[in-house]
Amino acid sequence: MLKIYNTLARAPQEFIPIEPGRVRLYVCGLTVFVYCHLGHGRVMVVFDMVVRWL
């Protein structure tokens, strides 16, 4: 069972997907103001790992 901390309720809650067996995730794109750096790539890698884990 996966529990995620809900900041609105200020308590951990069990994660239940809207569609059973399918998890979807929206991630905003990059907002680049200066030169590219490794932090920009980190965003993509971290969220890719989260989606694969779920």
N, C-alpha and C. Protein backbone atom coordinates (compact mmCIF):
# COMPACT_ATOMS: atom_id res chain seq x y z
N MET A 1 0.84 -1.16 0.00
CA MET A 1 0.00 0.00 0.00
C MET A 1 0.90 1.24 0.00
N LEU A 2 0.53 2.21 -0.83
CA LEU A 2 1.28 3.45 -0.94
C LEU A 2 0.51 4.56 -0.23
N LYS A 3 1.20 5.25 0.67
CA LYS A 3 0.59 6.39 1.36
C LYS A 3 1.34 7.65 0.96
N ILE A 4 0.60 8.70 0.67
CA ILE A 4 1.16 9.98 0.27
C ILE A 4 0.67 11.03 1.25
N TYR A 5 1.57 11.93 1.65
CA TYR A 5 1.19 12.98 2.59
C TYR A 5 0.35 14.04 1.88
N ASN A 6 -0.86 14.26 2.36
CA ASN A 6 -1.77 15.25 1.82
C ASN A 6 -1.58 16.54 2.62
N THR A 7 -1.03 17.58 1.98
CA THR A 7 -0.77 18.82 2.69
C THR A 7 -2.06 19.55 3.05
N LEU A 8 -3.13 19.35 2.30
CA LEU A 8 -4.40 19.99 2.61
C LEU A 8 -5.01 19.40 3.88
N ALA A 9 -5.01 18.08 3.97
CA ALA A 9 -5.57 17.40 5.15
C ALA A 9 -4.55 17.28 6.28
N ARG A 10 -3.27 17.56 5.96
CA ARG A 10 -2.17 17.44 6.93
C ARG A 10 -2.07 16.05 7.54
N ALA A 11 -2.23 15.05 6.68
CA ALA A 11 -2.15 13.67 7.13
C ALA A 11 -1.83 12.77 5.94
N PRO A 12 -1.16 11.64 6.19
CA PRO A 12 -0.92 10.68 5.11
C PRO A 12 -2.23 10.01 4.70
N GLN A 13 -2.38 9.79 3.39
CA GLN A 13 -3.57 9.12 2.87
C GLN A 13 -3.16 8.02 1.91
N GLU A 14 -3.96 7.00 1.85
CA GLU A 14 -3.71 5.89 0.93
C GLU A 14 -3.91 6.37 -0.50
N PHE A 15 -2.97 6.00 -1.37
CA PHE A 15 -3.06 6.38 -2.78
C PHE A 15 -3.97 5.39 -3.50
N ILE A 16 -5.05 5.89 -4.09
CA ILE A 16 -5.97 5.07 -4.86
C ILE A 16 -6.13 5.74 -6.22
N PRO A 17 -5.71 5.08 -7.31
CA PRO A 17 -5.83 5.70 -8.63
C PRO A 17 -7.30 5.88 -9.04
N ILE A 18 -7.55 6.90 -9.87
CA ILE A 18 -8.90 7.16 -10.36
C ILE A 18 -9.39 5.98 -11.20
N GLU A 19 -8.51 5.50 -12.09
CA GLU A 19 -8.81 4.32 -12.90
C GLU A 19 -8.02 3.15 -12.32
N PRO A 20 -8.69 2.11 -11.87
CA PRO A 20 -7.97 0.96 -11.30
C PRO A 20 -6.93 0.40 -12.29
N GLY A 21 -5.72 0.21 -11.80
CA GLY A 21 -4.67 -0.37 -12.63
C GLY A 21 -3.97 0.61 -13.55
N ARG A 22 -4.35 1.91 -13.48
CA ARG A 22 -3.72 2.90 -14.36
C ARG A 22 -3.46 4.18 -13.58
N VAL A 23 -2.20 4.63 -13.63
CA VAL A 23 -1.82 5.86 -12.96
C VAL A 23 -1.32 6.83 -14.02
N ARG A 24 -1.86 8.06 -13.99
CA ARG A 24 -1.41 9.09 -14.92
C ARG A 24 -0.83 10.25 -14.12
N LEU A 25 0.11 10.97 -14.76
CA LEU A 25 0.80 12.02 -14.07
C LEU A 25 1.05 13.17 -15.03
N TYR A 26 0.80 14.39 -14.58
CA TYR A 26 1.09 15.57 -15.39
C TYR A 26 2.28 16.30 -14.78
N VAL A 27 3.27 16.58 -15.60
CA VAL A 27 4.46 17.30 -15.15
C VAL A 27 4.64 18.51 -16.05
N CYS A 28 4.75 19.69 -15.45
CA CYS A 28 4.97 20.91 -16.22
C CYS A 28 6.32 20.83 -16.93
N GLY A 29 6.41 21.51 -18.05
CA GLY A 29 7.67 21.55 -18.79
C GLY A 29 8.67 22.49 -18.13
N LEU A 30 9.85 22.57 -18.71
CA LEU A 30 10.91 23.40 -18.17
C LEU A 30 10.61 24.88 -18.41
N THR A 31 10.99 25.69 -17.45
CA THR A 31 10.97 27.15 -17.61
C THR A 31 12.43 27.58 -17.53
N VAL A 32 13.02 27.77 -18.70
CA VAL A 32 14.46 28.03 -18.76
C VAL A 32 14.70 29.53 -18.90
N PHE A 33 15.38 30.11 -17.92
CA PHE A 33 15.71 31.53 -17.96
C PHE A 33 17.17 31.76 -18.30
N VAL A 34 18.01 30.80 -17.98
CA VAL A 34 19.44 30.93 -18.23
C VAL A 34 19.92 29.69 -18.98
N TYR A 35 21.22 29.47 -18.99
CA TYR A 35 21.79 28.33 -19.71
C TYR A 35 21.30 27.00 -19.13
N CYS A 36 21.26 25.99 -19.96
CA CYS A 36 20.86 24.66 -19.52
C CYS A 36 21.88 24.10 -18.53
N HIS A 37 21.39 23.31 -17.58
CA HIS A 37 22.27 22.67 -16.61
C HIS A 37 21.68 21.31 -16.23
N LEU A 38 22.40 20.55 -15.43
CA LEU A 38 21.97 19.19 -15.08
C LEU A 38 20.65 19.15 -14.34
N GLY A 39 20.31 20.20 -13.62
CA GLY A 39 19.04 20.24 -12.90
C GLY A 39 17.84 20.11 -13.82
N HIS A 40 17.95 20.61 -15.05
CA HIS A 40 16.86 20.48 -16.01
C HIS A 40 16.65 19.00 -16.38
N GLY A 41 17.71 18.27 -16.56
CA GLY A 41 17.61 16.84 -16.89
C GLY A 41 17.13 16.02 -15.71
N ARG A 42 17.47 16.47 -14.50
CA ARG A 42 17.07 15.75 -13.28
C ARG A 42 15.55 15.65 -13.18
N VAL A 43 14.85 16.71 -13.54
CA VAL A 43 13.38 16.71 -13.48
C VAL A 43 12.82 15.56 -14.30
N MET A 44 13.30 15.41 -15.51
CA MET A 44 12.80 14.36 -16.40
C MET A 44 13.12 12.97 -15.86
N VAL A 45 14.33 12.79 -15.33
CA VAL A 45 14.75 11.49 -14.81
C VAL A 45 13.92 11.11 -13.58
N VAL A 46 13.74 12.05 -12.65
CA VAL A 46 13.02 11.76 -11.42
C VAL A 46 11.56 11.39 -11.71
N PHE A 47 10.88 12.16 -12.54
CA PHE A 47 9.48 11.85 -12.82
C PHE A 47 9.33 10.58 -13.66
N ASP A 48 10.32 10.27 -14.51
CA ASP A 48 10.29 9.01 -15.25
C ASP A 48 10.39 7.84 -14.27
N MET A 49 11.24 7.97 -13.25
CA MET A 49 11.37 6.91 -12.25
C MET A 49 10.08 6.76 -11.43
N VAL A 50 9.44 7.86 -11.09
CA VAL A 50 8.19 7.79 -10.32
C VAL A 50 7.11 7.09 -11.13
N VAL A 51 6.98 7.44 -12.40
CA VAL A 51 5.95 6.80 -13.25
C VAL A 51 6.23 5.31 -13.40
N ARG A 52 7.48 4.93 -13.60
CA ARG A 52 7.81 3.51 -13.74
C ARG A 52 7.56 2.75 -12.44
N TRP A 53 7.81 3.39 -11.30
CA TRP A 53 7.59 2.73 -10.00
C TRP A 53 6.10 2.54 -9.75
N LEU A 54 5.29 3.53 -10.10
CA LEU A 54 3.84 3.41 -9.88
C LEU A 54 3.25 2.39 -10.83
